[in-house]
Amino acid sequence: MSKPREDELFITREFDAPVALVFRLWESREHMLRWWGPEMFTTIELDWHLTPGRPWRGAMTSKQYGLSRFGGVIRDAQKDRRIVFTFQWDDESGRDLDTVVTVTFAEKEGGTVQSFHQTPFSTVAIRDSHIGGWNSLFNKQQLYVENIAVAEQNGLRA
């Protein structure tokens, strides 16, 4: 396996939940509102539909950092397999380029391996500044997904 380039970020997360459930919680705006954003943030707006070519937008807020707006365009969505979208901060900070995010889903022993890839970043420092935020978001996602999986195993549908 080749070494990742300096302008790309990879994060892999394993969930104790089936692929169909993990993907379904990416498909649903109502579910995403509950886990999208780093742990210290609350997502307050999300216009998200997995329709290729469709713009998406969101906003999140925290006591420490205030309001952050972001968005992009959905490029591809293959049920239970892959989601590709662009991501850009919608503020005046000039934080970085429009990036492309690819999230893939694979079954592993009844659970799910979710692989996240984001590129390009203009500098290593900007790339590294995203690591904590995305990992924090995936912490929230993992807790949410696995709680839904337990509920569904007990006959409840979320």
N, C-alpha and C. Protein backbone atom coordinates (compact mmCIF):
# COMPACT_ATOMS: atom_id res chain seq x y z
N MET A 1 0.85 -1.19 0.00
CA MET A 1 0.00 0.00 0.00
C MET A 1 0.89 1.24 0.00
N SER A 2 0.54 2.19 -0.81
CA SER A 2 1.35 3.40 -0.90
C SER A 2 1.03 4.35 0.25
N LYS A 3 1.98 5.19 0.55
CA LYS A 3 1.83 6.19 1.60
C LYS A 3 0.85 7.26 1.12
N PRO A 4 -0.08 7.71 2.00
CA PRO A 4 -1.00 8.77 1.60
C PRO A 4 -0.24 10.04 1.24
N ARG A 5 -0.80 10.78 0.31
CA ARG A 5 -0.22 12.07 -0.06
C ARG A 5 -0.48 13.08 1.06
N GLU A 6 0.30 14.14 1.05
CA GLU A 6 0.15 15.17 2.08
C GLU A 6 -1.15 15.96 1.96
N ASP A 7 -1.82 15.89 0.81
CA ASP A 7 -3.05 16.66 0.62
C ASP A 7 -4.32 15.85 0.85
N GLU A 8 -4.19 14.65 1.46
CA GLU A 8 -5.37 13.83 1.67
C GLU A 8 -5.45 13.29 3.09
N LEU A 9 -6.68 13.04 3.52
CA LEU A 9 -6.97 12.56 4.86
C LEU A 9 -7.76 11.27 4.75
N PHE A 10 -7.36 10.26 5.51
CA PHE A 10 -8.06 8.98 5.59
C PHE A 10 -8.44 8.71 7.03
N ILE A 11 -9.68 8.28 7.26
CA ILE A 11 -10.13 7.86 8.58
C ILE A 11 -11.00 6.62 8.38
N THR A 12 -10.71 5.57 9.12
CA THR A 12 -11.51 4.34 9.06
C THR A 12 -12.14 4.11 10.42
N ARG A 13 -13.41 3.72 10.39
CA ARG A 13 -14.14 3.47 11.63
C ARG A 13 -14.92 2.18 11.48
N GLU A 14 -14.91 1.34 12.51
CA GLU A 14 -15.70 0.10 12.50
C GLU A 14 -16.90 0.27 13.42
N PHE A 15 -18.07 -0.15 12.93
CA PHE A 15 -19.31 -0.04 13.67
C PHE A 15 -19.88 -1.43 13.93
N ASP A 16 -20.43 -1.62 15.11
CA ASP A 16 -21.13 -2.85 15.45
C ASP A 16 -22.58 -2.69 15.02
N ALA A 17 -22.76 -2.60 13.70
CA ALA A 17 -24.07 -2.39 13.09
C ALA A 17 -23.96 -2.77 11.62
N PRO A 18 -25.05 -3.27 11.04
CA PRO A 18 -25.00 -3.67 9.63
C PRO A 18 -24.83 -2.48 8.68
N VAL A 19 -24.25 -2.77 7.50
CA VAL A 19 -24.02 -1.75 6.49
C VAL A 19 -25.30 -1.00 6.15
N ALA A 20 -26.40 -1.73 5.97
CA ALA A 20 -27.66 -1.08 5.59
C ALA A 20 -28.08 -0.02 6.61
N LEU A 21 -27.85 -0.28 7.89
CA LEU A 21 -28.21 0.70 8.92
C LEU A 21 -27.27 1.90 8.88
N VAL A 22 -25.97 1.67 8.81
CA VAL A 22 -25.01 2.77 8.78
C VAL A 22 -25.30 3.68 7.59
N PHE A 23 -25.53 3.09 6.43
CA PHE A 23 -25.83 3.89 5.24
C PHE A 23 -27.16 4.63 5.41
N ARG A 24 -28.16 3.96 5.95
CA ARG A 24 -29.49 4.58 6.13
C ARG A 24 -29.39 5.85 6.99
N LEU A 25 -28.49 5.84 7.96
CA LEU A 25 -28.37 7.00 8.83
C LEU A 25 -27.61 8.14 8.16
N TRP A 26 -26.92 7.86 7.04
CA TRP A 26 -26.37 8.92 6.18
C TRP A 26 -27.44 9.44 5.22
N GLU A 27 -28.39 8.59 4.87
CA GLU A 27 -29.45 8.99 3.92
C GLU A 27 -30.47 9.93 4.55
N SER A 28 -30.64 9.84 5.85
CA SER A 28 -31.71 10.53 6.54
C SER A 28 -31.24 11.83 7.19
N ARG A 29 -31.75 12.93 6.73
CA ARG A 29 -31.44 14.23 7.32
C ARG A 29 -31.79 14.24 8.81
N GLU A 30 -32.94 13.67 9.17
CA GLU A 30 -33.38 13.66 10.56
C GLU A 30 -32.38 12.93 11.45
N HIS A 31 -31.84 11.83 10.96
CA HIS A 31 -30.83 11.12 11.74
C HIS A 31 -29.51 11.90 11.76
N MET A 32 -29.11 12.43 10.61
CA MET A 32 -27.83 13.15 10.54
C MET A 32 -27.80 14.35 11.48
N LEU A 33 -28.93 15.02 11.65
CA LEU A 33 -28.98 16.16 12.57
C LEU A 33 -28.55 15.76 13.98
N ARG A 34 -28.70 14.51 14.33
CA ARG A 34 -28.38 14.03 15.68
C ARG A 34 -26.92 13.70 15.87
N TRP A 35 -26.18 13.47 14.77
CA TRP A 35 -24.77 13.10 14.95
C TRP A 35 -23.80 13.91 14.12
N TRP A 36 -24.26 14.72 13.18
CA TRP A 36 -23.35 15.46 12.31
C TRP A 36 -22.71 16.60 13.10
N GLY A 37 -21.41 16.74 12.98
CA GLY A 37 -20.67 17.81 13.63
C GLY A 37 -19.84 17.28 14.79
N PRO A 38 -18.75 17.94 15.10
CA PRO A 38 -17.91 17.52 16.23
C PRO A 38 -18.69 17.54 17.55
N GLU A 39 -18.15 16.86 18.54
CA GLU A 39 -18.84 16.66 19.81
C GLU A 39 -19.24 17.95 20.51
N MET A 40 -18.51 19.02 20.36
CA MET A 40 -18.87 20.27 21.04
C MET A 40 -19.83 21.13 20.21
N PHE A 41 -20.26 20.63 19.05
CA PHE A 41 -21.13 21.37 18.15
C PHE A 41 -22.52 20.74 18.08
N THR A 42 -23.51 21.58 17.79
CA THR A 42 -24.87 21.14 17.50
C THR A 42 -25.19 21.59 16.08
N THR A 43 -25.61 20.65 15.25
CA THR A 43 -26.02 21.01 13.89
C THR A 43 -27.42 21.58 13.97
N ILE A 44 -27.58 22.79 13.46
CA ILE A 44 -28.87 23.49 13.56
C ILE A 44 -29.58 23.59 12.22
N GLU A 45 -28.87 23.38 11.13
CA GLU A 45 -29.46 23.38 9.80
C GLU A 45 -28.78 22.30 8.98
N LEU A 46 -29.56 21.59 8.18
CA LEU A 46 -28.97 20.61 7.27
C LEU A 46 -29.92 20.36 6.12
N ASP A 47 -29.52 20.77 4.95
CA ASP A 47 -30.25 20.51 3.71
C ASP A 47 -29.45 19.44 2.98
N TRP A 48 -29.81 18.18 3.14
CA TRP A 48 -29.01 17.05 2.70
C TRP A 48 -29.91 16.01 2.06
N HIS A 49 -29.70 15.74 0.79
CA HIS A 49 -30.41 14.68 0.07
C HIS A 49 -29.38 14.01 -0.83
N LEU A 50 -29.32 12.71 -0.79
CA LEU A 50 -28.32 11.98 -1.58
C LEU A 50 -28.75 11.85 -3.04
N THR A 51 -28.80 13.00 -3.70
CA THR A 51 -29.14 13.05 -5.11
C THR A 51 -27.94 13.63 -5.85
N PRO A 52 -27.28 12.83 -6.72
CA PRO A 52 -26.11 13.35 -7.43
C PRO A 52 -26.42 14.65 -8.17
N GLY A 53 -25.50 15.62 -8.03
CA GLY A 53 -25.65 16.93 -8.65
C GLY A 53 -26.37 17.95 -7.78
N ARG A 54 -26.93 17.51 -6.67
CA ARG A 54 -27.71 18.40 -5.80
C ARG A 54 -26.80 19.08 -4.78
N PRO A 55 -26.91 20.40 -4.64
CA PRO A 55 -26.18 21.10 -3.59
C PRO A 55 -26.69 20.69 -2.21
N TRP A 56 -25.83 20.77 -1.24
CA TRP A 56 -26.22 20.54 0.16
C TRP A 56 -25.61 21.65 1.00
N ARG A 57 -26.26 21.96 2.13
CA ARG A 57 -25.79 23.02 3.02
C ARG A 57 -26.08 22.63 4.46
N GLY A 58 -25.28 23.20 5.36
CA GLY A 58 -25.52 22.98 6.76
C GLY A 58 -24.93 24.09 7.60
N ALA A 59 -25.33 24.10 8.86
CA ALA A 59 -24.78 25.04 9.83
C ALA A 59 -24.73 24.36 11.18
N MET A 60 -23.66 24.63 11.91
CA MET A 60 -23.53 24.10 13.26
C MET A 60 -23.01 25.22 14.16
N THR A 61 -23.26 25.04 15.45
CA THR A 61 -22.86 26.07 16.39
C THR A 61 -22.29 25.44 17.66
N SER A 62 -21.43 26.20 18.32
CA SER A 62 -20.90 25.79 19.63
C SER A 62 -20.69 27.05 20.45
N LYS A 63 -20.68 26.89 21.77
CA LYS A 63 -20.44 28.04 22.65
C LYS A 63 -19.05 28.61 22.41
N GLN A 64 -18.08 27.75 22.20
CA GLN A 64 -16.70 28.21 22.05
C GLN A 64 -16.42 28.84 20.69
N TYR A 65 -16.97 28.24 19.61
CA TYR A 65 -16.61 28.68 18.26
C TYR A 65 -17.69 29.44 17.52
N GLY A 66 -18.89 29.49 18.04
CA GLY A 66 -19.97 30.21 17.37
C GLY A 66 -20.53 29.41 16.20
N LEU A 67 -21.00 30.14 15.19
CA LEU A 67 -21.68 29.55 14.05
C LEU A 67 -20.70 29.24 12.92
N SER A 68 -20.81 28.06 12.36
CA SER A 68 -20.02 27.66 11.18
C SER A 68 -20.98 27.15 10.12
N ARG A 69 -20.84 27.67 8.90
CA ARG A 69 -21.66 27.21 7.77
C ARG A 69 -20.77 26.48 6.78
N PHE A 70 -21.35 25.51 6.10
CA PHE A 70 -20.60 24.66 5.19
C PHE A 70 -21.55 24.09 4.16
N GLY A 71 -20.98 23.50 3.14
CA GLY A 71 -21.83 22.88 2.12
C GLY A 71 -21.00 22.34 0.99
N GLY A 72 -21.69 21.99 -0.08
CA GLY A 72 -21.04 21.42 -1.25
C GLY A 72 -22.08 20.88 -2.21
N VAL A 73 -21.68 19.85 -2.93
CA VAL A 73 -22.55 19.21 -3.91
C VAL A 73 -22.42 17.70 -3.74
N ILE A 74 -23.54 17.00 -3.78
CA ILE A 74 -23.52 15.53 -3.77
C ILE A 74 -23.07 15.10 -5.17
N ARG A 75 -22.02 14.32 -5.24
CA ARG A 75 -21.52 13.85 -6.54
C ARG A 75 -21.98 12.45 -6.89
N ASP A 76 -22.09 11.58 -5.88
CA ASP A 76 -22.45 10.18 -6.15
C ASP A 76 -23.02 9.57 -4.88
N ALA A 77 -23.96 8.66 -5.04
CA ALA A 77 -24.52 7.91 -3.92
C ALA A 77 -24.91 6.53 -4.44
N GLN A 78 -24.25 5.52 -3.94
CA GLN A 78 -24.55 4.13 -4.30
C GLN A 78 -24.97 3.43 -3.02
N LYS A 79 -26.25 3.10 -2.93
CA LYS A 79 -26.84 2.56 -1.71
C LYS A 79 -25.99 1.46 -1.08
N ASP A 80 -25.73 1.63 0.19
CA ASP A 80 -24.98 0.69 1.02
C ASP A 80 -23.52 0.52 0.58
N ARG A 81 -23.03 1.36 -0.33
CA ARG A 81 -21.66 1.21 -0.82
C ARG A 81 -20.81 2.46 -0.71
N ARG A 82 -21.37 3.62 -1.17
CA ARG A 82 -20.49 4.78 -1.30
C ARG A 82 -21.30 6.08 -1.39
N ILE A 83 -20.72 7.15 -0.81
CA ILE A 83 -21.24 8.50 -0.93
C ILE A 83 -20.05 9.39 -1.27
N VAL A 84 -20.21 10.25 -2.26
CA VAL A 84 -19.17 11.21 -2.63
C VAL A 84 -19.82 12.59 -2.65
N PHE A 85 -19.17 13.54 -1.94
CA PHE A 85 -19.67 14.91 -1.92
C PHE A 85 -18.51 15.88 -1.79
N THR A 86 -18.75 17.11 -2.22
CA THR A 86 -17.74 18.14 -1.99
C THR A 86 -18.05 18.80 -0.65
N PHE A 87 -16.99 19.37 -0.06
CA PHE A 87 -17.13 20.05 1.23
C PHE A 87 -16.36 21.36 1.18
N GLN A 88 -17.01 22.42 1.63
CA GLN A 88 -16.37 23.75 1.69
C GLN A 88 -16.99 24.52 2.84
N TRP A 89 -16.14 25.21 3.60
CA TRP A 89 -16.64 26.14 4.61
C TRP A 89 -17.25 27.34 3.89
N ASP A 90 -18.41 27.80 4.35
CA ASP A 90 -19.09 28.95 3.75
C ASP A 90 -18.88 30.21 4.58
N ASP A 91 -17.64 30.49 4.90
CA ASP A 91 -17.39 31.70 5.68
C ASP A 91 -16.25 32.49 5.06
N GLU A 92 -15.88 33.55 5.69
CA GLU A 92 -14.86 34.44 5.15
C GLU A 92 -13.45 34.08 5.61
N SER A 93 -13.29 32.96 6.29
CA SER A 93 -11.99 32.63 6.87
C SER A 93 -10.97 32.20 5.83
N GLY A 94 -11.43 31.77 4.67
CA GLY A 94 -10.51 31.29 3.65
C GLY A 94 -9.74 30.07 4.12
N ARG A 95 -10.40 29.21 4.89
CA ARG A 95 -9.72 28.08 5.51
C ARG A 95 -9.11 27.11 4.52
N ASP A 96 -9.76 26.86 3.40
CA ASP A 96 -9.16 25.94 2.45
C ASP A 96 -9.97 25.81 1.18
N LEU A 97 -9.49 24.95 0.33
CA LEU A 97 -10.09 24.65 -0.96
C LEU A 97 -11.40 23.89 -0.80
N ASP A 98 -12.14 23.80 -1.88
CA ASP A 98 -13.27 22.90 -1.98
C ASP A 98 -12.68 21.50 -2.02
N THR A 99 -13.07 20.65 -1.08
CA THR A 99 -12.52 19.29 -1.03
C THR A 99 -13.56 18.28 -1.47
N VAL A 100 -13.10 17.10 -1.84
CA VAL A 100 -13.98 16.00 -2.20
C VAL A 100 -13.88 14.95 -1.10
N VAL A 101 -15.04 14.56 -0.58
CA VAL A 101 -15.14 13.55 0.46
C VAL A 101 -15.75 12.29 -0.14
N THR A 102 -15.10 11.16 0.09
CA THR A 102 -15.64 9.87 -0.32
C THR A 102 -15.78 9.00 0.92
N VAL A 103 -16.99 8.52 1.16
CA VAL A 103 -17.25 7.63 2.28
C VAL A 103 -17.70 6.30 1.70
N THR A 104 -16.98 5.22 2.05
CA THR A 104 -17.36 3.89 1.57
C THR A 104 -17.74 3.02 2.76
N PHE A 105 -18.57 2.02 2.46
CA PHE A 105 -19.12 1.14 3.48
C PHE A 105 -18.87 -0.30 3.05
N ALA A 106 -18.34 -1.11 3.96
CA ALA A 106 -18.09 -2.52 3.66
C ALA A 106 -18.51 -3.36 4.86
N GLU A 107 -19.07 -4.53 4.58
CA GLU A 107 -19.47 -5.45 5.64
C GLU A 107 -18.23 -6.15 6.19
N LYS A 108 -18.19 -6.32 7.50
CA LYS A 108 -17.13 -7.07 8.16
C LYS A 108 -17.71 -7.78 9.37
N GLU A 109 -17.84 -9.09 9.25
CA GLU A 109 -18.31 -9.93 10.36
C GLU A 109 -19.61 -9.41 10.96
N GLY A 110 -20.55 -9.03 10.12
CA GLY A 110 -21.85 -8.55 10.57
C GLY A 110 -21.87 -7.08 10.94
N GLY A 111 -20.71 -6.45 10.98
CA GLY A 111 -20.62 -5.03 11.26
C GLY A 111 -20.27 -4.27 10.00
N THR A 112 -19.83 -3.03 10.18
CA THR A 112 -19.53 -2.16 9.05
C THR A 112 -18.17 -1.50 9.23
N VAL A 113 -17.41 -1.49 8.15
CA VAL A 113 -16.20 -0.67 8.08
C VAL A 113 -16.55 0.53 7.22
N GLN A 114 -16.46 1.71 7.82
CA GLN A 114 -16.70 2.96 7.10
C GLN A 114 -15.36 3.62 6.86
N SER A 115 -15.04 3.85 5.59
CA SER A 115 -13.78 4.49 5.22
C SER A 115 -14.07 5.88 4.69
N PHE A 116 -13.33 6.85 5.21
CA PHE A 116 -13.52 8.26 4.88
C PHE A 116 -12.24 8.77 4.23
N HIS A 117 -12.40 9.48 3.12
CA HIS A 117 -11.26 10.05 2.41
C HIS A 117 -11.64 11.47 2.00
N GLN A 118 -10.75 12.44 2.29
CA GLN A 118 -11.00 13.84 1.91
C GLN A 118 -9.73 14.40 1.29
N THR A 119 -9.91 15.08 0.15
CA THR A 119 -8.79 15.68 -0.57
C THR A 119 -9.31 16.73 -1.54
N PRO A 120 -8.57 17.69 -2.01
CA PRO A 120 -7.20 18.03 -1.64
C PRO A 120 -7.18 19.10 -0.55
N PHE A 121 -6.15 19.11 0.22
CA PHE A 121 -5.89 20.18 1.18
C PHE A 121 -4.69 20.96 0.67
N SER A 122 -4.72 22.27 0.88
CA SER A 122 -3.62 23.09 0.36
C SER A 122 -2.35 22.99 1.19
N THR A 123 -2.50 22.61 2.48
CA THR A 123 -1.32 22.43 3.32
C THR A 123 -1.54 21.26 4.27
N VAL A 124 -0.46 20.71 4.78
CA VAL A 124 -0.54 19.64 5.77
C VAL A 124 -1.21 20.16 7.03
N ALA A 125 -0.92 21.39 7.42
CA ALA A 125 -1.51 21.96 8.63
C ALA A 125 -3.03 22.04 8.52
N ILE A 126 -3.54 22.44 7.36
CA ILE A 126 -4.99 22.50 7.19
C ILE A 126 -5.58 21.09 7.19
N ARG A 127 -4.91 20.17 6.53
CA ARG A 127 -5.38 18.77 6.56
C ARG A 127 -5.45 18.30 8.01
N ASP A 128 -4.37 18.50 8.75
CA ASP A 128 -4.32 18.02 10.13
C ASP A 128 -5.35 18.69 11.02
N SER A 129 -5.74 19.93 10.68
CA SER A 129 -6.76 20.62 11.48
C SER A 129 -8.13 19.97 11.35
N HIS A 130 -8.33 19.15 10.33
CA HIS A 130 -9.60 18.46 10.12
C HIS A 130 -9.67 17.12 10.86
N ILE A 131 -8.55 16.57 11.25
CA ILE A 131 -8.52 15.24 11.86
C ILE A 131 -9.38 15.18 13.12
N GLY A 132 -9.18 16.12 14.03
CA GLY A 132 -9.93 16.11 15.28
C GLY A 132 -11.42 16.29 15.07
N GLY A 133 -11.79 17.21 14.17
CA GLY A 133 -13.21 17.46 13.92
C GLY A 133 -13.93 16.25 13.35
N TRP A 134 -13.32 15.64 12.33
CA TRP A 134 -13.97 14.47 11.72
C TRP A 134 -14.00 13.30 12.70
N ASN A 135 -12.91 13.06 13.44
CA ASN A 135 -12.92 11.95 14.41
C ASN A 135 -13.97 12.19 15.49
N SER A 136 -14.13 13.43 15.92
CA SER A 136 -15.14 13.77 16.91
C SER A 136 -16.55 13.53 16.35
N LEU A 137 -16.77 13.92 15.10
CA LEU A 137 -18.04 13.65 14.43
C LEU A 137 -18.29 12.15 14.38
N PHE A 138 -17.26 11.38 14.02
CA PHE A 138 -17.44 9.92 13.93
C PHE A 138 -17.65 9.29 15.29
N ASN A 139 -17.14 9.89 16.37
CA ASN A 139 -17.45 9.41 17.72
C ASN A 139 -18.95 9.52 17.97
N LYS A 140 -19.53 10.68 17.62
CA LYS A 140 -20.98 10.87 17.78
C LYS A 140 -21.75 9.90 16.89
N GLN A 141 -21.28 9.74 15.65
CA GLN A 141 -21.95 8.83 14.73
C GLN A 141 -21.93 7.40 15.28
N GLN A 142 -20.78 6.98 15.78
CA GLN A 142 -20.65 5.61 16.27
C GLN A 142 -21.61 5.34 17.42
N LEU A 143 -21.65 6.23 18.39
CA LEU A 143 -22.56 6.07 19.51
C LEU A 143 -24.01 6.03 19.02
N TYR A 144 -24.36 6.93 18.13
CA TYR A 144 -25.73 6.99 17.62
C TYR A 144 -26.09 5.72 16.84
N VAL A 145 -25.23 5.33 15.91
CA VAL A 145 -25.50 4.16 15.08
C VAL A 145 -25.63 2.90 15.94
N GLU A 146 -24.71 2.72 16.86
CA GLU A 146 -24.73 1.50 17.67
C GLU A 146 -25.92 1.47 18.62
N ASN A 147 -26.37 2.62 19.12
CA ASN A 147 -27.59 2.66 19.93
C ASN A 147 -28.82 2.32 19.09
N ILE A 148 -28.88 2.82 17.86
CA ILE A 148 -29.99 2.47 16.96
C ILE A 148 -29.96 0.97 16.66
N ALA A 149 -28.77 0.41 16.42
CA ALA A 149 -28.65 -1.03 16.13
C ALA A 149 -29.20 -1.86 17.29
N VAL A 150 -28.86 -1.50 18.51
CA VAL A 150 -29.37 -2.22 19.68
C VAL A 150 -30.88 -2.09 19.76
N ALA A 151 -31.40 -0.89 19.54
CA ALA A 151 -32.85 -0.69 19.57
C ALA A 151 -33.54 -1.56 18.52
N GLU A 152 -32.97 -1.59 17.32
CA GLU A 152 -33.59 -2.39 16.25
C GLU A 152 -33.49 -3.89 16.54
N GLN A 153 -32.41 -4.32 17.19
CA GLN A 153 -32.29 -5.74 17.57
C GLN A 153 -33.37 -6.10 18.60
N ASN A 154 -33.83 -5.10 19.34
CA ASN A 154 -34.88 -5.31 20.35
C ASN A 154 -36.28 -5.01 19.80
N GLY A 155 -36.39 -4.92 18.48
CA GLY A 155 -37.69 -4.78 17.85
C GLY A 155 -38.19 -3.37 17.66
N LEU A 156 -37.37 -2.38 17.96
CA LEU A 156 -37.76 -0.99 17.74
C LEU A 156 -37.19 -0.52 16.42
N ARG A 157 -37.91 0.31 15.69
CA ARG A 157 -37.42 0.83 14.40
C ARG A 157 -37.20 2.32 14.52
N ALA A 158 -35.98 2.75 14.19
CA ALA A 158 -35.67 4.20 14.25
C ALA A 158 -35.80 4.82 12.88
